[in-house]
Amino acid sequence: LRSVHVQPSFCVFVAFVLQRSVLFLAICLF
């Protein structure tokens, strides 16, 4: 995103990171 001069908003980036990390962590625990 920074390479195309885009600064992602806090909410978008947190939602992007949380969705993948929480889902991946739940799969690892299972």
All heavy atoms as atom14 arrays in JSON, in Angstrom:
{
  "sequence": "LRSVHVQPSFCVFVAFVLQRSVLFLAICLF",
  "atom14_mask": [
    [1, 1, 1, 1, 1, 1, 1, 1, 0, 0, 0, 0, 0, 0],
    [1, 1, 1, 1, 1, 1, 1, 1, 1, 1, 1, 0, 0, 0],
    [1, 1, 1, 1, 1, 1, 0, 0, 0, 0, 0, 0, 0, 0],
    [1, 1, 1, 1, 1, 1, 1, 0, 0, 0, 0, 0, 0, 0],
    [1, 1, 1, 1, 1, 1, 1, 1, 1, 1, 0, 0, 0, 0],
    [1, 1, 1, 1, 1, 1, 1, 0, 0, 0, 0, 0, 0, 0],
    [1, 1, 1, 1, 1, 1, 1, 1, 1, 0, 0, 0, 0, 0],
    [1, 1, 1, 1, 1, 1, 1, 0, 0, 0, 0, 0, 0, 0],
    [1, 1, 1, 1, 1, 1, 0, 0, 0, 0, 0, 0, 0, 0],
    [1, 1, 1, 1, 1, 1, 1, 1, 1, 1, 1, 0, 0, 0],
    [1, 1, 1, 1, 1, 1, 0, 0, 0, 0, 0, 0, 0, 0],
    [1, 1, 1, 1, 1, 1, 1, 0, 0, 0, 0, 0, 0, 0],
    [1, 1, 1, 1, 1, 1, 1, 1, 1, 1, 1, 0, 0, 0],
    [1, 1, 1, 1, 1, 1, 1, 0, 0, 0, 0, 0, 0, 0],
    [1, 1, 1, 1, 1, 0, 0, 0, 0, 0, 0, 0, 0, 0],
    [1, 1, 1, 1, 1, 1, 1, 1, 1, 1, 1, 0, 0, 0],
    [1, 1, 1, 1, 1, 1, 1, 0, 0, 0, 0, 0, 0, 0],
    [1, 1, 1, 1, 1, 1, 1, 1, 0, 0, 0, 0, 0, 0],
    [1, 1, 1, 1, 1, 1, 1, 1, 1, 0, 0, 0, 0, 0],
    [1, 1, 1, 1, 1, 1, 1, 1, 1, 1, 1, 0, 0, 0],
    [1, 1, 1, 1, 1, 1, 0, 0, 0, 0, 0, 0, 0, 0],
    [1, 1, 1, 1, 1, 1, 1, 0, 0, 0, 0, 0, 0, 0],
    [1, 1, 1, 1, 1, 1, 1, 1, 0, 0, 0, 0, 0, 0],
    [1, 1, 1, 1, 1, 1, 1, 1, 1, 1, 1, 0, 0, 0],
    [1, 1, 1, 1, 1, 1, 1, 1, 0, 0, 0, 0, 0, 0],
    [1, 1, 1, 1, 1, 0, 0, 0, 0, 0, 0, 0, 0, 0],
    [1, 1, 1, 1, 1, 1, 1, 1, 0, 0, 0, 0, 0, 0],
    [1, 1, 1, 1, 1, 1, 0, 0, 0, 0, 0, 0, 0, 0],
    [1, 1, 1, 1, 1, 1, 1, 1, 0, 0, 0, 0, 0, 0],
    [1, 1, 1, 1, 1, 1, 1, 1, 1, 1, 1, 0, 0, 0]
  ],
  "atom14_positions": [
    [[0.83, -1.21, 0.0], [0.0, 0.0, 0.0], [0.87, 1.26, 0.0], [0.57, 2.23, -0.7], [-0.93, 0.0, 1.22], [-2.07, -1.02, 1.21], [-2.79, -1.03, 2.55], [-3.06, -0.71, 0.09], [0.0, 0.0, 0.0], [0.0, 0.0, 0.0], [0.0, 0.0, 0.0], [0.0, 0.0, 0.0], [0.0, 0.0, 0.0], [0.0, 0.0, 0.0]],
    [[1.93, 1.23, 0.78], [2.82, 2.4, 0.83], [3.54, 2.62, -0.5], [3.88, 3.75, -0.84], [3.85, 2.23, 1.96], [3.25, 2.21, 3.35], [2.56, 3.51, 3.69], [3.53, 4.61, 3.73], [3.2, 5.89, 3.67], [1.93, 6.23, 3.5], [4.12, 6.82, 3.74], [0.0, 0.0, 0.0], [0.0, 0.0, 0.0], [0.0, 0.0, 0.0]],
    [[3.76, 1.53, -1.25], [4.45, 1.67, -2.53], [3.62, 2.44, -3.54], [4.16, 3.01, -4.5], [4.8, 0.29, -3.09], [3.63, -0.43, -3.45], [0.0, 0.0, 0.0], [0.0, 0.0, 0.0], [0.0, 0.0, 0.0], [0.0, 0.0, 0.0], [0.0, 0.0, 0.0], [0.0, 0.0, 0.0], [0.0, 0.0, 0.0], [0.0, 0.0, 0.0]],
    [[2.29, 2.45, -3.35], [1.42, 3.23, -4.24], [0.93, 4.5, -3.53], [-0.09, 5.07, -3.89], [0.23, 2.37, -4.72], [0.69, 1.26, -5.63], [-0.57, 1.82, -3.55], [0.0, 0.0, 0.0], [0.0, 0.0, 0.0], [0.0, 0.0, 0.0], [0.0, 0.0, 0.0], [0.0, 0.0, 0.0], [0.0, 0.0, 0.0], [0.0, 0.0, 0.0]],
    [[1.68, 4.89, -2.48], [1.43, 6.13, -1.74], [0.04, 6.16, -1.11], [-0.67, 7.17, -1.15], [1.61, 7.34, -2.67], [2.9, 7.35, -3.41], [4.12, 7.56, -2.79], [3.18, 7.14, -4.74], [5.09, 7.5, -3.67], [4.54, 7.24, -4.86], [0.0, 0.0, 0.0], [0.0, 0.0, 0.0], [0.0, 0.0, 0.0], [0.0, 0.0, 0.0]],
    [[-0.34, 5.03, -0.5], [-1.62, 4.92, 0.2], [-1.36, 4.64, 1.67], [-0.59, 3.72, 2.01], [-2.5, 3.8, -0.4], [-3.75, 3.61, 0.46], [-2.89, 4.13, -1.83], [0.0, 0.0, 0.0], [0.0, 0.0, 0.0], [0.0, 0.0, 0.0], [0.0, 0.0, 0.0], [0.0, 0.0, 0.0], [0.0, 0.0, 0.0], [0.0, 0.0, 0.0]],
    [[-1.96, 5.44, 2.54], [-1.86, 5.23, 3.97], [-3.19, 4.63, 4.46], [-4.2, 5.33, 4.52], [-1.58, 6.55, 4.7], [-1.53, 6.42, 6.22], [-0.37, 5.57, 6.71], [0.75, 5.68, 6.21], [-0.64, 4.72, 7.68], [0.0, 0.0, 0.0], [0.0, 0.0, 0.0], [0.0, 0.0, 0.0], [0.0, 0.0, 0.0], [0.0, 0.0, 0.0]],
    [[-3.21, 3.33, 4.77], [-4.49, 2.72, 5.18], [-4.96, 3.3, 6.5], [-4.17, 3.65, 7.38], [-4.14, 1.23, 5.32], [-2.66, 1.21, 5.58], [-2.1, 2.37, 4.81], [0.0, 0.0, 0.0], [0.0, 0.0, 0.0], [0.0, 0.0, 0.0], [0.0, 0.0, 0.0], [0.0, 0.0, 0.0], [0.0, 0.0, 0.0], [0.0, 0.0, 0.0]],
    [[-6.26, 3.41, 6.64], [-6.82, 3.91, 7.89], [-6.62, 2.88, 9.0], [-6.45, 1.68, 8.74], [-8.32, 4.21, 7.72], [-9.04, 3.01, 7.54], [0.0, 0.0, 0.0], [0.0, 0.0, 0.0], [0.0, 0.0, 0.0], [0.0, 0.0, 0.0], [0.0, 0.0, 0.0], [0.0, 0.0, 0.0], [0.0, 0.0, 0.0], [0.0, 0.0, 0.0]],
    [[-6.67, 3.37, 10.23], [-6.44, 2.49, 11.39], [-7.46, 1.36, 11.43], [-7.11, 0.2, 11.63], [-6.49, 3.31, 12.67], [-6.4, 2.49, 13.93], [-5.19, 2.0, 14.38], [-7.55, 2.19, 14.65], [-5.12, 1.23, 15.54], [-7.49, 1.43, 15.8], [-6.27, 0.95, 16.25], [0.0, 0.0, 0.0], [0.0, 0.0, 0.0], [0.0, 0.0, 0.0]],
    [[-8.73, 1.7, 11.25], [-9.8, 0.69, 11.35], [-9.67, -0.39, 10.28], [-9.86, -1.58, 10.55], [-11.17, 1.36, 11.27], [-11.6, 2.29, 12.75], [0.0, 0.0, 0.0], [0.0, 0.0, 0.0], [0.0, 0.0, 0.0], [0.0, 0.0, 0.0], [0.0, 0.0, 0.0], [0.0, 0.0, 0.0], [0.0, 0.0, 0.0], [0.0, 0.0, 0.0]],
    [[-9.35, 0.02, 9.06], [-9.22, -0.94, 7.97], [-8.06, -1.9, 8.23], [-8.19, -3.12, 8.08], [-9.03, -0.22, 6.62], [-8.64, -1.2, 5.52], [-10.3, 0.48, 6.22], [0.0, 0.0, 0.0], [0.0, 0.0, 0.0], [0.0, 0.0, 0.0], [0.0, 0.0, 0.0], [0.0, 0.0, 0.0], [0.0, 0.0, 0.0], [0.0, 0.0, 0.0]],
    [[-6.93, -1.36, 8.65], [-5.76, -2.21, 8.85], [-5.94, -3.14, 10.05], [-5.57, -4.31, 10.0], [-4.5, -1.35, 9.03], [-3.23, -2.14, 8.84], [-2.85, -2.56, 7.58], [-2.42, -2.46, 9.91], [-1.69, -3.29, 7.38], [-1.25, -3.18, 9.74], [-0.88, -3.6, 8.46], [0.0, 0.0, 0.0], [0.0, 0.0, 0.0], [0.0, 0.0, 0.0]],
    [[-6.53, -2.62, 11.14], [-6.78, -3.47, 12.31], [-7.76, -4.58, 11.96], [-7.57, -5.73, 12.35], [-7.3, -2.62, 13.49], [-7.84, -3.5, 14.6], [-6.19, -1.74, 14.03], [0.0, 0.0, 0.0], [0.0, 0.0, 0.0], [0.0, 0.0, 0.0], [0.0, 0.0, 0.0], [0.0, 0.0, 0.0], [0.0, 0.0, 0.0], [0.0, 0.0, 0.0]],
    [[-8.83, -4.23, 11.23], [-9.79, -5.25, 10.82], [-9.13, -6.3, 9.94], [-9.4, -7.5, 10.07], [-10.95, -4.6, 10.08], [0.0, 0.0, 0.0], [0.0, 0.0, 0.0], [0.0, 0.0, 0.0], [0.0, 0.0, 0.0], [0.0, 0.0, 0.0], [0.0, 0.0, 0.0], [0.0, 0.0, 0.0], [0.0, 0.0, 0.0], [0.0, 0.0, 0.0]],
    [[-8.26, -5.86, 9.04], [-7.55, -6.78, 8.15], [-6.64, -7.73, 8.94], [-6.65, -8.94, 8.7], [-6.72, -5.96, 7.16], [-5.92, -6.79, 6.19], [-6.51, -7.31, 5.06], [-4.58, -7.04, 6.42], [-5.78, -8.08, 4.16], [-3.84, -7.8, 5.54], [-4.44, -8.33, 4.41], [0.0, 0.0, 0.0], [0.0, 0.0, 0.0], [0.0, 0.0, 0.0]],
    [[-5.89, -7.18, 9.89], [-4.96, -8.0, 10.68], [-5.71, -8.92, 11.64], [-5.41, -10.11, 11.74], [-3.98, -7.1, 11.46], [-3.13, -7.94, 12.41], [-3.1, -6.33, 10.49], [0.0, 0.0, 0.0], [0.0, 0.0, 0.0], [0.0, 0.0, 0.0], [0.0, 0.0, 0.0], [0.0, 0.0, 0.0], [0.0, 0.0, 0.0], [0.0, 0.0, 0.0]],
    [[-6.7, -8.37, 12.35], [-7.42, -9.17, 13.35], [-8.16, -10.35, 12.73], [-8.13, -11.46, 13.28], [-8.42, -8.28, 14.1], [-7.91, -7.55, 15.33], [-9.04, -6.77, 15.98], [-7.3, -8.51, 16.34], [0.0, 0.0, 0.0], [0.0, 0.0, 0.0], [0.0, 0.0, 0.0], [0.0, 0.0, 0.0], [0.0, 0.0, 0.0], [0.0, 0.0, 0.0]],
    [[-8.83, -10.12, 11.6], [-9.6, -11.21, 11.0], [-8.72, -12.4, 10.69], [-9.07, -13.55, 10.98], [-10.29, -10.72, 9.72], [-11.12, -11.81, 9.05], [-11.76, -11.33, 7.77], [-11.56, -10.19, 7.36], [-12.52, -12.18, 7.14], [0.0, 0.0, 0.0], [0.0, 0.0, 0.0], [0.0, 0.0, 0.0], [0.0, 0.0, 0.0], [0.0, 0.0, 0.0]],
    [[-7.54, -12.14, 10.12], [-6.67, -13.24, 9.71], [-5.93, -13.86, 10.89], [-5.79, -15.08, 10.97], [-5.68, -12.73, 8.65], [-6.33, -12.59, 7.3], [-5.79, -11.43, 6.49], [-6.56, -11.29, 5.25], [-7.71, -10.63, 5.17], [-8.22, -10.06, 6.25], [-8.35, -10.55, 4.03], [0.0, 0.0, 0.0], [0.0, 0.0, 0.0], [0.0, 0.0, 0.0]],
    [[-5.45, -13.03, 11.8], [-4.67, -13.56, 12.92], [-5.54, -14.34, 13.89], [-5.15, -15.41, 14.38], [-3.93, -12.43, 13.63], [-4.85, -11.44, 14.07], [0.0, 0.0, 0.0], [0.0, 0.0, 0.0], [0.0, 0.0, 0.0], [0.0, 0.0, 0.0], [0.0, 0.0, 0.0], [0.0, 0.0, 0.0], [0.0, 0.0, 0.0], [0.0, 0.0, 0.0]],
    [[-6.74, -13.83, 14.2], [-7.64, -14.52, 15.12], [-8.11, -15.85, 14.53], [-8.13, -16.88, 15.21], [-8.84, -13.62, 15.49], [-9.91, -14.42, 16.21], [-8.39, -12.47, 16.35], [0.0, 0.0, 0.0], [0.0, 0.0, 0.0], [0.0, 0.0, 0.0], [0.0, 0.0, 0.0], [0.0, 0.0, 0.0], [0.0, 0.0, 0.0], [0.0, 0.0, 0.0]],
    [[-8.48, -15.83, 13.25], [-8.92, -17.06, 12.59], [-7.79, -18.08, 12.53], [-7.99, -19.27, 12.82], [-9.42, -16.74, 11.18], [-9.99, -17.92, 10.37], [-11.17, -18.56, 11.1], [-10.4, -17.46, 8.99], [0.0, 0.0, 0.0], [0.0, 0.0, 0.0], [0.0, 0.0, 0.0], [0.0, 0.0, 0.0], [0.0, 0.0, 0.0], [0.0, 0.0, 0.0]],
    [[-6.6, -17.63, 12.19], [-5.44, -18.53, 12.12], [-5.11, -19.09, 13.49], [-4.79, -20.28, 13.63], [-4.24, -17.76, 11.54], [-3.1, -18.63, 11.1], [-3.27, -20.0, 10.89], [-1.85, -18.09, 10.88], [-2.23, -20.8, 10.48], [-0.79, -18.88, 10.48], [-0.98, -20.23, 10.27], [0.0, 0.0, 0.0], [0.0, 0.0, 0.0], [0.0, 0.0, 0.0]],
    [[-5.21, -18.27, 14.52], [-4.91, -18.72, 15.87], [-5.94, -19.75, 16.35], [-5.59, -20.74, 17.0], [-4.88, -17.53, 16.82], [-4.46, -17.81, 18.27], [-3.09, -18.46, 18.3], [-4.46, -16.52, 19.08], [0.0, 0.0, 0.0], [0.0, 0.0, 0.0], [0.0, 0.0, 0.0], [0.0, 0.0, 0.0], [0.0, 0.0, 0.0], [0.0, 0.0, 0.0]],
    [[-7.21, -19.52, 16.02], [-8.25, -20.5, 16.38], [-8.01, -21.83, 15.69], [-8.2, -22.9, 16.29], [-9.63, -19.94, 16.0], [0.0, 0.0, 0.0], [0.0, 0.0, 0.0], [0.0, 0.0, 0.0], [0.0, 0.0, 0.0], [0.0, 0.0, 0.0], [0.0, 0.0, 0.0], [0.0, 0.0, 0.0], [0.0, 0.0, 0.0], [0.0, 0.0, 0.0]],
    [[-7.58, -21.79, 14.43], [-7.27, -23.03, 13.7], [-6.09, -23.75, 14.35], [-6.09, -24.97, 14.5], [-6.99, -22.72, 12.22], [-8.27, -22.23, 11.53], [-6.45, -23.94, 11.49], [-8.06, -21.72, 10.12], [0.0, 0.0, 0.0], [0.0, 0.0, 0.0], [0.0, 0.0, 0.0], [0.0, 0.0, 0.0], [0.0, 0.0, 0.0], [0.0, 0.0, 0.0]],
    [[-5.06, -22.99, 14.72], [-3.88, -23.58, 15.38], [-4.27, -24.24, 16.69], [-3.81, -25.35, 17.0], [-2.83, -22.51, 15.62], [-1.96, -21.95, 14.14], [0.0, 0.0, 0.0], [0.0, 0.0, 0.0], [0.0, 0.0, 0.0], [0.0, 0.0, 0.0], [0.0, 0.0, 0.0], [0.0, 0.0, 0.0], [0.0, 0.0, 0.0], [0.0, 0.0, 0.0]],
    [[-5.13, -23.59, 17.47], [-5.56, -24.15, 18.75], [-6.34, -25.44, 18.54], [-6.11, -26.44, 19.24], [-6.41, -23.13, 19.51], [-6.92, -23.54, 20.89], [-5.75, -23.84, 21.82], [-7.81, -22.45, 21.49], [0.0, 0.0, 0.0], [0.0, 0.0, 0.0], [0.0, 0.0, 0.0], [0.0, 0.0, 0.0], [0.0, 0.0, 0.0], [0.0, 0.0, 0.0]],
    [[-7.25, -25.43, 17.57], [-8.03, -26.64, 17.27], [-7.11, -27.77, 16.81], [-7.25, -28.93, 17.24], [-9.08, -26.33, 16.2], [-9.79, -27.57, 15.7], [-10.82, -28.14, 16.44], [-9.42, -28.16, 14.5], [-11.46, -29.28, 15.99], [-10.06, -29.29, 14.04], [-11.09, -29.85, 14.78], [0.0, 0.0, 0.0], [0.0, 0.0, 0.0], [0.0, 0.0, 0.0]]
  ]
}
